């Protein structure tokens, strides 16, 4: 079984890195309605252009556990005529004004070695979040789940947005018998071009007991 890479594309990483030093003007997304979870898309406006954080479902072959539709977090530059919300109703989105200088971009990069019982099965690498570090705060955009849920959790924190997101073990509490996983979370700084391992966790596959009808 082939390894699975669900990381932000190389072009997406380069685009993110080029935002360092720019002004984070605003972000547009689905209305929060008292929660910090939005559906799939966040449009980012900076002092030079508009960009899109897109947590979309895509097809990946040879995945250890079906279905094979998996979430793929990416970051793309928008053209002047692009409207990511063109099919949405006009009152379904809102704009948050930021006006802060971007000092660094952090990528939450997770990895998991998957085992079928004790037999190695597959290596999964996945970008699970993007954090904008500004001169005043941090703005984190995290996948709500590993699976088919396209929602994005938005977290603002003065110093450490990741500390308020799901822990590695919570995020990877996904394995069903006979599959288990050894997981690792790293934080990549695009400004420093450095990677720091933050946490490791092991998840044992669980047998789901179905109730008798």
N, C-alpha and C. Protein backbone atom coordinates (compact mmCIF):
# COMPACT_ATOMS: atom_id res chain seq x y z
N UNK A 1 0.84 -1.20 0.00
CA UNK A 1 0.00 0.00 0.00
C UNK A 1 0.88 1.25 0.00
N UNK A 2 0.58 2.20 -0.90
CA UNK A 2 1.39 3.40 -1.04
C UNK A 2 1.18 4.35 0.14
N UNK A 3 2.23 5.14 0.43
CA UNK A 3 2.09 6.18 1.44
C UNK A 3 1.12 7.25 0.92
N UNK A 4 0.52 7.97 1.86
CA UNK A 4 -0.49 8.97 1.51
C UNK A 4 -0.04 10.35 1.99
N UNK A 5 0.04 11.30 1.08
CA UNK A 5 0.48 12.66 1.42
C UNK A 5 -0.67 13.64 1.22
N UNK A 6 -1.19 14.16 2.33
CA UNK A 6 -2.29 15.12 2.31
C UNK A 6 -1.79 16.51 2.74
N UNK A 7 -0.54 16.79 2.41
CA UNK A 7 0.08 18.07 2.80
C UNK A 7 -0.35 19.19 1.86
N UNK A 8 -0.25 20.41 2.36
CA UNK A 8 -0.44 21.58 1.51
C UNK A 8 0.54 21.50 0.35
N UNK A 9 0.09 21.84 -0.84
CA UNK A 9 0.93 21.74 -2.03
C UNK A 9 2.17 22.63 -1.91
N UNK A 10 3.19 22.29 -2.68
CA UNK A 10 4.42 23.08 -2.69
C UNK A 10 4.13 24.53 -3.09
N UNK A 11 3.27 24.70 -4.08
CA UNK A 11 2.90 26.06 -4.51
C UNK A 11 2.16 26.79 -3.40
N UNK A 12 1.31 26.05 -2.67
CA UNK A 12 0.58 26.66 -1.56
C UNK A 12 1.50 27.13 -0.47
N UNK A 13 2.53 26.33 -0.15
CA UNK A 13 3.51 26.72 0.86
C UNK A 13 4.28 27.96 0.41
N UNK A 14 4.68 27.99 -0.85
CA UNK A 14 5.40 29.16 -1.37
C UNK A 14 4.54 30.41 -1.31
N UNK A 15 3.25 30.27 -1.63
CA UNK A 15 2.33 31.40 -1.57
C UNK A 15 2.17 31.90 -0.14
N UNK A 16 2.05 30.97 0.80
CA UNK A 16 1.95 31.35 2.22
C UNK A 16 3.20 32.08 2.68
N UNK A 17 4.36 31.57 2.33
CA UNK A 17 5.62 32.18 2.77
C UNK A 17 5.75 33.61 2.26
N UNK A 18 5.21 33.88 1.09
CA UNK A 18 5.30 35.23 0.51
C UNK A 18 4.41 36.24 1.24
N UNK A 19 3.52 35.75 2.11
CA UNK A 19 2.66 36.67 2.87
C UNK A 19 3.37 37.29 4.07
N UNK A 20 4.48 36.71 4.48
CA UNK A 20 5.20 37.23 5.64
C UNK A 20 5.68 38.65 5.35
N UNK A 21 5.34 39.56 6.24
CA UNK A 21 5.67 40.97 6.05
C UNK A 21 4.51 41.78 5.50
N UNK A 22 3.48 41.11 5.00
CA UNK A 22 2.32 41.81 4.47
C UNK A 22 1.33 42.14 5.60
N UNK A 23 0.35 42.96 5.26
CA UNK A 23 -0.70 43.31 6.20
C UNK A 23 -1.88 42.36 6.01
N UNK A 24 -2.28 41.67 7.08
CA UNK A 24 -3.45 40.80 7.08
C UNK A 24 -4.66 41.70 7.26
N UNK A 25 -5.33 42.00 6.15
CA UNK A 25 -6.40 43.00 6.17
C UNK A 25 -7.69 42.45 6.77
N UNK A 26 -8.15 41.31 6.24
CA UNK A 26 -9.44 40.77 6.67
C UNK A 26 -9.58 39.32 6.27
N UNK A 27 -10.63 38.68 6.81
CA UNK A 27 -10.97 37.33 6.36
C UNK A 27 -12.49 37.23 6.21
N UNK A 28 -12.89 36.47 5.19
CA UNK A 28 -14.31 36.28 4.88
C UNK A 28 -14.63 34.79 4.96
N UNK A 29 -15.73 34.47 5.60
CA UNK A 29 -16.09 33.07 5.78
C UNK A 29 -17.58 32.97 6.09
N UNK A 30 -18.07 31.73 6.23
CA UNK A 30 -19.46 31.54 6.62
C UNK A 30 -19.71 32.19 7.97
N UNK A 31 -20.93 32.61 8.22
CA UNK A 31 -21.25 33.26 9.49
C UNK A 31 -21.03 32.30 10.65
N UNK A 32 -20.39 32.80 11.70
CA UNK A 32 -20.02 31.96 12.83
C UNK A 32 -21.22 31.51 13.66
N UNK A 33 -22.24 32.35 13.78
CA UNK A 33 -23.45 32.00 14.52
C UNK A 33 -23.14 31.53 15.95
N UNK A 34 -22.26 32.26 16.62
CA UNK A 34 -21.94 31.96 18.01
C UNK A 34 -20.91 30.86 18.20
N UNK A 35 -20.41 30.26 17.13
CA UNK A 35 -19.41 29.21 17.22
C UNK A 35 -18.15 29.65 16.46
N UNK A 36 -17.09 28.85 16.56
CA UNK A 36 -15.86 29.20 15.85
C UNK A 36 -15.58 28.22 14.72
N UNK A 37 -16.64 27.60 14.17
CA UNK A 37 -16.50 26.63 13.09
C UNK A 37 -17.21 27.16 11.85
N UNK A 38 -16.51 27.11 10.69
CA UNK A 38 -17.09 27.55 9.43
C UNK A 38 -16.96 26.42 8.40
N UNK A 39 -17.69 26.53 7.31
CA UNK A 39 -17.68 25.49 6.31
C UNK A 39 -16.61 25.73 5.25
N UNK A 40 -15.65 24.87 5.17
CA UNK A 40 -14.71 24.67 4.06
C UNK A 40 -13.79 25.84 3.71
N UNK A 41 -14.32 27.05 3.52
CA UNK A 41 -13.56 28.11 2.87
C UNK A 41 -13.37 29.33 3.77
N UNK A 42 -12.15 29.89 3.73
CA UNK A 42 -11.89 31.19 4.33
C UNK A 42 -11.11 32.02 3.32
N UNK A 43 -11.67 33.13 2.92
CA UNK A 43 -10.97 34.04 2.00
C UNK A 43 -10.13 35.01 2.81
N UNK A 44 -8.85 35.08 2.51
CA UNK A 44 -7.90 35.95 3.20
C UNK A 44 -7.55 37.13 2.30
N UNK A 45 -7.68 38.34 2.83
CA UNK A 45 -7.25 39.53 2.10
C UNK A 45 -6.03 40.12 2.77
N UNK A 46 -5.00 40.39 1.97
CA UNK A 46 -3.79 41.04 2.48
C UNK A 46 -3.59 42.36 1.75
N UNK A 47 -2.47 43.00 2.02
CA UNK A 47 -2.19 44.29 1.40
C UNK A 47 -1.91 44.17 -0.10
N UNK A 48 -1.74 42.94 -0.61
CA UNK A 48 -1.43 42.79 -2.04
C UNK A 48 -2.47 42.00 -2.83
N UNK A 49 -3.20 41.08 -2.19
CA UNK A 49 -4.10 40.24 -2.96
C UNK A 49 -5.10 39.51 -2.06
N UNK A 50 -5.91 38.63 -2.68
CA UNK A 50 -6.83 37.76 -1.96
C UNK A 50 -6.39 36.31 -2.12
N UNK A 51 -6.64 35.52 -1.08
CA UNK A 51 -6.21 34.12 -1.08
C UNK A 51 -7.33 33.27 -0.48
N UNK A 52 -7.21 31.95 -0.66
CA UNK A 52 -8.25 31.06 -0.15
C UNK A 52 -7.65 29.89 0.61
N UNK A 53 -8.09 29.73 1.87
CA UNK A 53 -7.86 28.50 2.61
C UNK A 53 -9.01 27.57 2.25
N UNK A 54 -8.69 26.41 1.70
CA UNK A 54 -9.72 25.50 1.18
C UNK A 54 -9.54 24.12 1.80
N UNK A 55 -10.50 23.71 2.61
CA UNK A 55 -10.48 22.38 3.24
C UNK A 55 -11.48 21.50 2.50
N UNK A 56 -11.04 20.95 1.36
CA UNK A 56 -11.97 20.26 0.48
C UNK A 56 -11.72 18.76 0.48
N UNK A 57 -12.75 18.02 0.10
CA UNK A 57 -12.64 16.57 -0.01
C UNK A 57 -12.11 16.21 -1.39
N UNK A 58 -11.11 15.32 -1.42
CA UNK A 58 -10.54 14.87 -2.68
C UNK A 58 -10.40 13.35 -2.63
N UNK A 59 -10.12 12.75 -3.77
CA UNK A 59 -10.02 11.29 -3.88
C UNK A 59 -8.56 10.87 -3.81
N UNK A 60 -8.26 9.91 -2.94
CA UNK A 60 -6.91 9.38 -2.82
C UNK A 60 -6.99 7.85 -2.84
N UNK A 61 -6.23 7.25 -3.74
CA UNK A 61 -6.23 5.79 -3.87
C UNK A 61 -5.43 5.13 -2.76
N UNK A 62 -5.73 3.85 -2.55
CA UNK A 62 -4.94 3.00 -1.65
C UNK A 62 -4.91 3.50 -0.21
N UNK A 63 -6.04 3.96 0.25
CA UNK A 63 -6.13 4.39 1.64
C UNK A 63 -6.44 3.19 2.52
N UNK A 64 -5.86 3.14 3.72
CA UNK A 64 -5.97 1.93 4.54
C UNK A 64 -7.40 1.61 4.97
N UNK A 65 -8.25 2.60 5.02
CA UNK A 65 -9.62 2.36 5.48
C UNK A 65 -10.57 3.24 4.67
N UNK A 66 -11.52 2.62 4.01
CA UNK A 66 -12.45 3.36 3.18
C UNK A 66 -13.47 4.13 4.00
N UNK A 67 -14.18 5.08 3.40
CA UNK A 67 -14.07 5.45 2.00
C UNK A 67 -12.79 6.23 1.71
N UNK A 68 -12.44 6.36 0.45
CA UNK A 68 -11.15 6.95 0.09
C UNK A 68 -11.23 8.44 -0.22
N UNK A 69 -12.37 9.07 0.06
CA UNK A 69 -12.48 10.53 -0.02
C UNK A 69 -11.88 11.11 1.25
N UNK A 70 -10.84 11.93 1.09
CA UNK A 70 -10.13 12.46 2.25
C UNK A 70 -10.04 13.98 2.16
N UNK A 71 -9.93 14.62 3.33
CA UNK A 71 -9.79 16.07 3.39
C UNK A 71 -8.38 16.49 3.00
N UNK A 72 -8.32 17.52 2.15
CA UNK A 72 -7.04 18.04 1.68
C UNK A 72 -7.04 19.54 1.90
N UNK A 73 -6.22 20.01 2.83
CA UNK A 73 -6.13 21.43 3.15
C UNK A 73 -5.14 22.09 2.20
N UNK A 74 -5.59 23.17 1.54
CA UNK A 74 -4.67 23.86 0.63
C UNK A 74 -4.85 25.38 0.73
N UNK A 75 -3.89 26.09 0.13
CA UNK A 75 -3.89 27.55 0.15
C UNK A 75 -3.58 28.02 -1.26
N UNK A 76 -4.48 28.82 -1.84
CA UNK A 76 -4.30 29.25 -3.22
C UNK A 76 -4.49 30.76 -3.34
N UNK A 77 -3.85 31.34 -4.35
CA UNK A 77 -4.02 32.76 -4.66
C UNK A 77 -5.20 32.93 -5.59
N UNK A 78 -6.03 33.91 -5.33
CA UNK A 78 -7.22 34.16 -6.14
C UNK A 78 -6.95 35.22 -7.19
N UNK A 79 -7.59 35.05 -8.35
CA UNK A 79 -7.57 36.09 -9.36
C UNK A 79 -8.60 37.15 -9.02
N UNK A 80 -8.50 38.29 -9.70
CA UNK A 80 -9.39 39.40 -9.40
C UNK A 80 -10.86 39.02 -9.56
N UNK A 81 -11.14 38.16 -10.56
CA UNK A 81 -12.54 37.80 -10.83
C UNK A 81 -13.04 36.61 -10.02
N UNK A 82 -12.15 35.95 -9.29
CA UNK A 82 -12.55 34.77 -8.52
C UNK A 82 -13.45 35.14 -7.35
N UNK A 83 -14.54 34.38 -7.19
CA UNK A 83 -15.43 34.54 -6.04
C UNK A 83 -15.72 33.16 -5.47
N UNK A 84 -15.02 32.77 -4.41
CA UNK A 84 -15.19 31.43 -3.84
C UNK A 84 -16.60 31.15 -3.32
N UNK A 85 -17.35 32.23 -3.07
CA UNK A 85 -18.69 32.08 -2.48
C UNK A 85 -19.80 32.40 -3.47
N UNK A 86 -19.51 32.28 -4.75
CA UNK A 86 -20.47 32.71 -5.77
C UNK A 86 -21.77 31.92 -5.72
N UNK A 87 -21.71 30.68 -5.28
CA UNK A 87 -22.93 29.85 -5.22
C UNK A 87 -23.63 29.95 -3.86
N UNK A 88 -23.07 30.73 -2.95
CA UNK A 88 -23.65 30.87 -1.61
C UNK A 88 -24.62 32.05 -1.61
N UNK A 89 -25.59 32.02 -0.73
CA UNK A 89 -26.50 33.16 -0.58
C UNK A 89 -25.74 34.36 -0.01
N UNK A 90 -26.19 35.55 -0.34
CA UNK A 90 -25.48 36.77 0.04
C UNK A 90 -25.38 36.97 1.55
N UNK A 91 -26.35 36.46 2.29
CA UNK A 91 -26.36 36.68 3.74
C UNK A 91 -25.73 35.52 4.51
N UNK A 92 -25.00 34.64 3.82
CA UNK A 92 -24.42 33.47 4.49
C UNK A 92 -22.98 33.68 4.92
N UNK A 93 -22.37 34.80 4.54
CA UNK A 93 -20.97 35.06 4.88
C UNK A 93 -20.83 36.34 5.68
N UNK A 94 -19.68 36.46 6.32
CA UNK A 94 -19.35 37.68 7.05
C UNK A 94 -17.86 37.98 6.89
N UNK A 95 -17.48 39.22 7.12
CA UNK A 95 -16.09 39.67 6.99
C UNK A 95 -15.59 40.15 8.34
N UNK A 96 -14.43 39.66 8.73
CA UNK A 96 -13.77 40.13 9.96
C UNK A 96 -12.57 40.99 9.57
N UNK A 97 -12.51 42.21 10.08
CA UNK A 97 -11.41 43.11 9.81
C UNK A 97 -10.27 42.83 10.80
N UNK A 98 -9.05 42.68 10.29
CA UNK A 98 -7.90 42.35 11.13
C UNK A 98 -6.91 43.52 11.19
N UNK A 99 -6.34 43.90 10.03
CA UNK A 99 -5.37 44.98 9.92
C UNK A 99 -4.19 44.81 10.87
N UNK A 100 -3.50 43.68 10.74
CA UNK A 100 -2.30 43.39 11.53
C UNK A 100 -1.21 42.86 10.60
N UNK A 101 0.04 43.09 10.98
CA UNK A 101 1.17 42.69 10.14
C UNK A 101 1.50 41.22 10.37
N UNK A 102 1.67 40.46 9.28
CA UNK A 102 2.00 39.05 9.36
C UNK A 102 3.51 38.89 9.60
N UNK A 103 3.86 38.26 10.72
CA UNK A 103 5.26 38.09 11.08
C UNK A 103 5.77 36.68 10.81
N UNK A 104 4.88 35.71 10.77
CA UNK A 104 5.27 34.33 10.48
C UNK A 104 4.03 33.55 10.08
N UNK A 105 4.23 32.46 9.35
CA UNK A 105 3.18 31.51 9.04
C UNK A 105 3.63 30.16 9.58
N UNK A 106 2.78 29.50 10.36
CA UNK A 106 3.08 28.19 10.92
C UNK A 106 2.17 27.14 10.30
N UNK A 107 2.73 25.98 9.98
CA UNK A 107 1.97 24.86 9.45
C UNK A 107 1.95 23.74 10.48
N UNK A 108 0.76 23.28 10.82
CA UNK A 108 0.62 22.12 11.71
C UNK A 108 0.68 20.87 10.84
N UNK A 109 1.78 20.13 10.97
CA UNK A 109 2.03 18.98 10.10
C UNK A 109 2.00 17.69 10.93
N UNK A 110 1.04 16.82 10.63
CA UNK A 110 0.90 15.56 11.35
C UNK A 110 1.35 14.39 10.48
N UNK A 111 1.80 13.34 11.15
CA UNK A 111 2.17 12.10 10.47
C UNK A 111 1.67 10.92 11.30
N UNK A 112 1.34 9.83 10.60
CA UNK A 112 0.89 8.62 11.29
C UNK A 112 1.39 7.39 10.56
N UNK A 113 1.99 6.48 11.31
CA UNK A 113 2.30 5.15 10.79
C UNK A 113 1.15 4.24 11.17
N UNK A 114 0.53 3.64 10.18
CA UNK A 114 -0.65 2.81 10.39
C UNK A 114 -0.26 1.34 10.39
N UNK A 115 -0.81 0.59 11.35
CA UNK A 115 -0.51 -0.84 11.47
C UNK A 115 -1.81 -1.64 11.42
N UNK A 116 -1.75 -2.77 10.73
CA UNK A 116 -2.83 -3.74 10.73
C UNK A 116 -2.44 -4.83 11.70
N UNK A 117 -3.05 -4.79 12.90
CA UNK A 117 -2.52 -5.54 14.05
C UNK A 117 -1.09 -5.06 14.28
N UNK A 118 -0.09 -5.92 14.15
CA UNK A 118 1.30 -5.50 14.36
C UNK A 118 2.05 -5.34 13.05
N UNK A 119 1.37 -5.43 11.93
CA UNK A 119 2.03 -5.37 10.62
C UNK A 119 1.92 -3.95 10.07
N UNK A 120 3.08 -3.35 9.72
CA UNK A 120 3.09 -2.00 9.16
C UNK A 120 2.29 -1.96 7.87
N UNK A 121 1.45 -0.93 7.74
CA UNK A 121 0.52 -0.85 6.62
C UNK A 121 0.78 0.36 5.73
N UNK A 122 0.88 1.55 6.33
CA UNK A 122 0.92 2.77 5.53
C UNK A 122 1.41 3.95 6.35
N UNK A 123 2.08 4.91 5.68
CA UNK A 123 2.48 6.17 6.31
C UNK A 123 1.61 7.28 5.74
N UNK A 124 1.02 8.07 6.64
CA UNK A 124 0.17 9.19 6.24
C UNK A 124 0.81 10.49 6.72
N UNK A 125 0.93 11.44 5.81
CA UNK A 125 1.43 12.78 6.16
C UNK A 125 0.33 13.76 5.80
N UNK A 126 0.04 14.72 6.71
CA UNK A 126 -1.10 15.59 6.50
C UNK A 126 -0.91 16.95 7.15
N UNK A 127 -1.20 18.02 6.39
CA UNK A 127 -1.24 19.37 6.97
C UNK A 127 -2.62 19.56 7.60
N UNK A 128 -2.64 19.76 8.92
CA UNK A 128 -3.90 19.83 9.65
C UNK A 128 -4.26 21.24 10.08
N UNK A 129 -3.38 22.21 9.84
CA UNK A 129 -3.71 23.57 10.23
C UNK A 129 -2.73 24.60 9.69
N UNK A 130 -3.21 25.84 9.61
CA UNK A 130 -2.39 26.99 9.20
C UNK A 130 -2.56 28.06 10.27
N UNK A 131 -1.47 28.63 10.74
CA UNK A 131 -1.53 29.66 11.77
C UNK A 131 -0.84 30.93 11.26
N UNK A 132 -1.58 32.03 11.25
CA UNK A 132 -1.01 33.33 10.91
C UNK A 132 -0.55 33.99 12.21
N UNK A 133 0.73 34.24 12.32
CA UNK A 133 1.28 34.94 13.48
C UNK A 133 1.44 36.41 13.10
N UNK A 134 0.68 37.28 13.75
CA UNK A 134 0.77 38.70 13.46
C UNK A 134 1.50 39.43 14.60
N UNK A 135 1.60 40.74 14.46
CA UNK A 135 2.25 41.54 15.49
C UNK A 135 1.40 41.68 16.75
N UNK A 136 0.14 41.19 16.70
CA UNK A 136 -0.74 41.34 17.85
C UNK A 136 -1.34 40.02 18.36
N UNK A 137 -1.43 39.00 17.51
CA UNK A 137 -2.11 37.77 17.92
C UNK A 137 -1.76 36.64 16.97
N UNK A 138 -2.39 35.48 17.18
CA UNK A 138 -2.28 34.35 16.28
C UNK A 138 -3.69 33.96 15.82
N UNK A 139 -3.79 33.63 14.53
CA UNK A 139 -5.05 33.21 13.94
C UNK A 139 -4.85 31.82 13.35
N UNK A 140 -5.51 30.83 13.97
CA UNK A 140 -5.33 29.45 13.54
C UNK A 140 -6.54 28.95 12.76
N UNK A 141 -6.27 28.18 11.71
CA UNK A 141 -7.31 27.58 10.87
C UNK A 141 -7.02 26.08 10.83
N UNK A 142 -7.87 25.29 11.51
CA UNK A 142 -7.59 23.88 11.72
C UNK A 142 -8.70 23.01 11.14
N UNK A 143 -8.33 21.88 10.55
CA UNK A 143 -9.32 20.89 10.14
C UNK A 143 -10.12 20.47 11.37
N UNK A 144 -11.44 20.41 11.21
CA UNK A 144 -12.28 19.98 12.32
C UNK A 144 -12.08 18.50 12.61
N UNK A 145 -11.91 17.70 11.56
CA UNK A 145 -11.67 16.26 11.72
C UNK A 145 -10.70 15.79 10.65
N UNK A 146 -10.24 14.55 10.77
CA UNK A 146 -9.40 13.93 9.74
C UNK A 146 -10.22 13.45 8.56
N UNK A 147 -11.49 13.16 8.76
CA UNK A 147 -12.27 12.46 7.75
C UNK A 147 -12.98 13.38 6.77
N UNK A 148 -14.28 13.16 6.59
CA UNK A 148 -15.01 13.78 5.50
C UNK A 148 -15.63 15.13 5.84
N UNK A 149 -15.47 15.60 7.05
CA UNK A 149 -16.06 16.86 7.49
C UNK A 149 -15.20 18.03 6.99
N UNK A 150 -15.79 18.87 6.13
CA UNK A 150 -15.03 19.96 5.52
C UNK A 150 -14.98 21.23 6.38
N UNK A 151 -15.49 21.17 7.59
CA UNK A 151 -15.50 22.35 8.44
C UNK A 151 -14.08 22.71 8.91
N UNK A 152 -13.89 24.00 9.14
CA UNK A 152 -12.63 24.54 9.63
C UNK A 152 -12.88 25.25 10.95
N UNK A 153 -12.05 24.97 11.93
CA UNK A 153 -12.12 25.64 13.23
C UNK A 153 -11.20 26.86 13.20
N UNK A 154 -11.75 28.03 13.52
CA UNK A 154 -10.96 29.27 13.56
C UNK A 154 -10.71 29.63 15.02
N UNK A 155 -9.43 29.76 15.37
CA UNK A 155 -9.06 30.08 16.75
C UNK A 155 -8.13 31.29 16.77
N UNK A 156 -8.53 32.31 17.52
CA UNK A 156 -7.66 33.46 17.74
C UNK A 156 -7.14 33.40 19.17
N UNK A 157 -5.83 33.60 19.33
CA UNK A 157 -5.23 33.60 20.66
C UNK A 157 -4.07 34.59 20.66
N UNK A 158 -3.82 35.14 21.82
CA UNK A 158 -2.76 36.15 21.92
C UNK A 158 -1.39 35.58 21.59
N UNK A 159 -1.12 34.33 22.05
CA UNK A 159 0.23 33.80 21.90
C UNK A 159 0.30 32.39 21.32
N UNK A 160 -0.75 31.56 21.47
CA UNK A 160 -0.63 30.15 21.09
C UNK A 160 -1.98 29.60 20.66
N UNK A 161 -2.35 29.83 19.41
CA UNK A 161 -3.65 29.36 18.91
C UNK A 161 -3.74 27.84 18.92
N UNK A 162 -2.62 27.16 18.67
CA UNK A 162 -2.63 25.70 18.61
C UNK A 162 -3.01 25.07 19.94
N UNK A 163 -2.72 25.76 21.05
CA UNK A 163 -3.02 25.21 22.37
C UNK A 163 -4.52 25.06 22.60
N UNK A 164 -5.34 25.76 21.82
CA UNK A 164 -6.79 25.69 21.96
C UNK A 164 -7.44 24.78 20.93
N UNK A 165 -6.63 24.18 20.06
CA UNK A 165 -7.15 23.24 19.07
C UNK A 165 -7.13 21.83 19.65
N UNK A 166 -7.70 20.86 18.91
CA UNK A 166 -7.67 19.48 19.34
C UNK A 166 -6.24 18.99 19.52
N UNK A 167 -6.00 18.23 20.58
CA UNK A 167 -4.69 17.62 20.76
C UNK A 167 -4.46 16.56 19.70
N UNK A 168 -3.22 16.14 19.56
CA UNK A 168 -2.88 15.11 18.59
C UNK A 168 -3.69 13.84 18.84
N UNK A 169 -3.75 13.41 20.10
CA UNK A 169 -4.44 12.16 20.43
C UNK A 169 -5.94 12.27 20.15
N UNK A 170 -6.54 13.42 20.47
CA UNK A 170 -7.96 13.62 20.17
C UNK A 170 -8.21 13.60 18.67
N UNK A 171 -7.33 14.24 17.93
CA UNK A 171 -7.50 14.39 16.50
C UNK A 171 -7.38 13.04 15.77
N UNK A 172 -6.57 12.16 16.34
CA UNK A 172 -6.33 10.87 15.69
C UNK A 172 -7.00 9.71 16.42
N UNK A 173 -8.05 10.01 17.14
CA UNK A 173 -8.83 8.95 17.78
C UNK A 173 -9.79 8.38 16.74
N UNK A 174 -9.21 7.77 15.71
CA UNK A 174 -9.97 7.43 14.51
C UNK A 174 -9.82 5.97 14.11
N UNK A 175 -8.95 5.25 14.75
CA UNK A 175 -8.60 3.92 14.26
C UNK A 175 -9.56 2.86 14.78
N UNK A 176 -10.09 2.04 13.86
CA UNK A 176 -10.93 0.91 14.22
C UNK A 176 -10.19 -0.38 13.99
N UNK A 177 -10.49 -1.37 14.81
CA UNK A 177 -9.82 -2.67 14.72
C UNK A 177 -9.92 -3.22 13.29
N UNK A 178 -8.85 -3.78 12.69
CA UNK A 178 -7.58 -4.12 13.34
C UNK A 178 -6.51 -3.04 13.19
N UNK A 179 -6.88 -1.82 12.77
CA UNK A 179 -5.88 -0.79 12.50
C UNK A 179 -5.54 0.01 13.75
N UNK A 180 -4.26 0.37 13.88
CA UNK A 180 -3.77 1.23 14.95
C UNK A 180 -2.78 2.22 14.35
N UNK A 181 -2.43 3.25 15.11
CA UNK A 181 -1.53 4.25 14.57
C UNK A 181 -0.54 4.81 15.58
N UNK A 182 0.65 5.12 15.09
CA UNK A 182 1.65 5.85 15.86
C UNK A 182 1.78 7.21 15.20
N UNK A 183 1.40 8.26 15.94
CA UNK A 183 1.22 9.58 15.36
C UNK A 183 2.25 10.58 15.90
N UNK A 184 2.53 11.58 15.07
CA UNK A 184 3.48 12.63 15.45
C UNK A 184 2.97 13.96 14.92
N UNK A 185 3.11 15.01 15.73
CA UNK A 185 2.73 16.36 15.30
C UNK A 185 3.95 17.27 15.33
N UNK A 186 4.15 17.99 14.22
CA UNK A 186 5.25 18.95 14.12
C UNK A 186 4.70 20.32 13.76
N UNK A 187 5.45 21.35 14.08
CA UNK A 187 5.09 22.72 13.75
C UNK A 187 6.19 23.30 12.87
N UNK A 188 5.80 23.72 11.66
CA UNK A 188 6.75 24.25 10.69
C UNK A 188 6.64 25.77 10.66
N UNK A 189 7.76 26.46 10.84
CA UNK A 189 7.81 27.92 10.71
C UNK A 189 8.32 28.26 9.32
N UNK A 190 7.51 28.96 8.53
CA UNK A 190 7.94 29.34 7.19
C UNK A 190 8.93 30.49 7.23
N UNK A 191 8.89 31.28 8.27
CA UNK A 191 9.86 32.38 8.41
C UNK A 191 11.24 31.84 8.72
N UNK A 192 11.32 30.91 9.67
CA UNK A 192 12.60 30.35 10.09
C UNK A 192 13.02 29.16 9.25
N UNK A 193 12.09 28.63 8.42
CA UNK A 193 12.34 27.41 7.65
C UNK A 193 12.79 26.28 8.58
N UNK A 194 12.03 26.11 9.67
CA UNK A 194 12.40 25.14 10.69
C UNK A 194 11.19 24.28 11.06
N UNK A 195 11.48 23.09 11.58
CA UNK A 195 10.44 22.16 11.99
C UNK A 195 10.70 21.70 13.42
N UNK A 196 9.67 21.78 14.27
CA UNK A 196 9.79 21.37 15.67
C UNK A 196 8.73 20.33 15.99
N UNK A 197 9.18 19.16 16.49
CA UNK A 197 8.24 18.12 16.91
C UNK A 197 7.59 18.53 18.22
N UNK A 198 6.24 18.51 18.26
CA UNK A 198 5.51 18.97 19.43
C UNK A 198 4.98 17.82 20.28
N UNK A 199 4.55 16.73 19.63
CA UNK A 199 3.86 15.69 20.39
C UNK A 199 3.88 14.38 19.62
N UNK A 200 3.76 13.28 20.35
CA UNK A 200 3.57 11.96 19.77
C UNK A 200 2.44 11.26 20.51
N UNK A 201 1.79 10.32 19.85
CA UNK A 201 0.69 9.59 20.47
C UNK A 201 0.50 8.26 19.77
N UNK A 202 0.01 7.28 20.51
CA UNK A 202 -0.32 5.98 19.94
C UNK A 202 -1.81 5.74 20.12
N UNK A 203 -2.45 5.29 19.05
CA UNK A 203 -3.88 5.01 19.07
C UNK A 203 -4.11 3.54 18.77
N UNK A 204 -4.75 2.85 19.68
CA UNK A 204 -5.09 1.44 19.48
C UNK A 204 -6.46 1.34 18.81
N UNK A 205 -6.52 0.52 17.77
CA UNK A 205 -7.80 0.32 17.09
C UNK A 205 -8.83 -0.28 18.02
N UNK A 206 -10.04 0.21 17.96
CA UNK A 206 -11.08 -0.25 18.85
C UNK A 206 -12.11 -1.11 18.09
N UNK A 207 -12.62 -2.11 18.78
CA UNK A 207 -13.70 -2.92 18.23
C UNK A 207 -15.02 -2.26 18.60
N UNK A 208 -15.81 -1.93 17.58
CA UNK A 208 -17.10 -1.28 17.84
C UNK A 208 -18.15 -2.35 18.07
N UNK A 209 -18.75 -2.34 19.25
CA UNK A 209 -19.80 -3.31 19.60
C UNK A 209 -21.15 -2.81 19.10
N UNK A 210 -21.69 -3.52 18.14
CA UNK A 210 -22.98 -3.14 17.59
C UNK A 210 -24.11 -3.71 18.45
N UNK A 211 -25.07 -2.86 18.73
CA UNK A 211 -26.21 -3.32 19.52
C UNK A 211 -27.08 -4.28 18.72
N UNK A 212 -27.54 -5.29 19.36
CA UNK A 212 -28.40 -6.25 18.68
C UNK A 212 -29.77 -5.62 18.42
N UNK A 213 -30.26 -5.84 17.22
CA UNK A 213 -31.56 -5.28 16.87
C UNK A 213 -32.69 -6.12 17.44
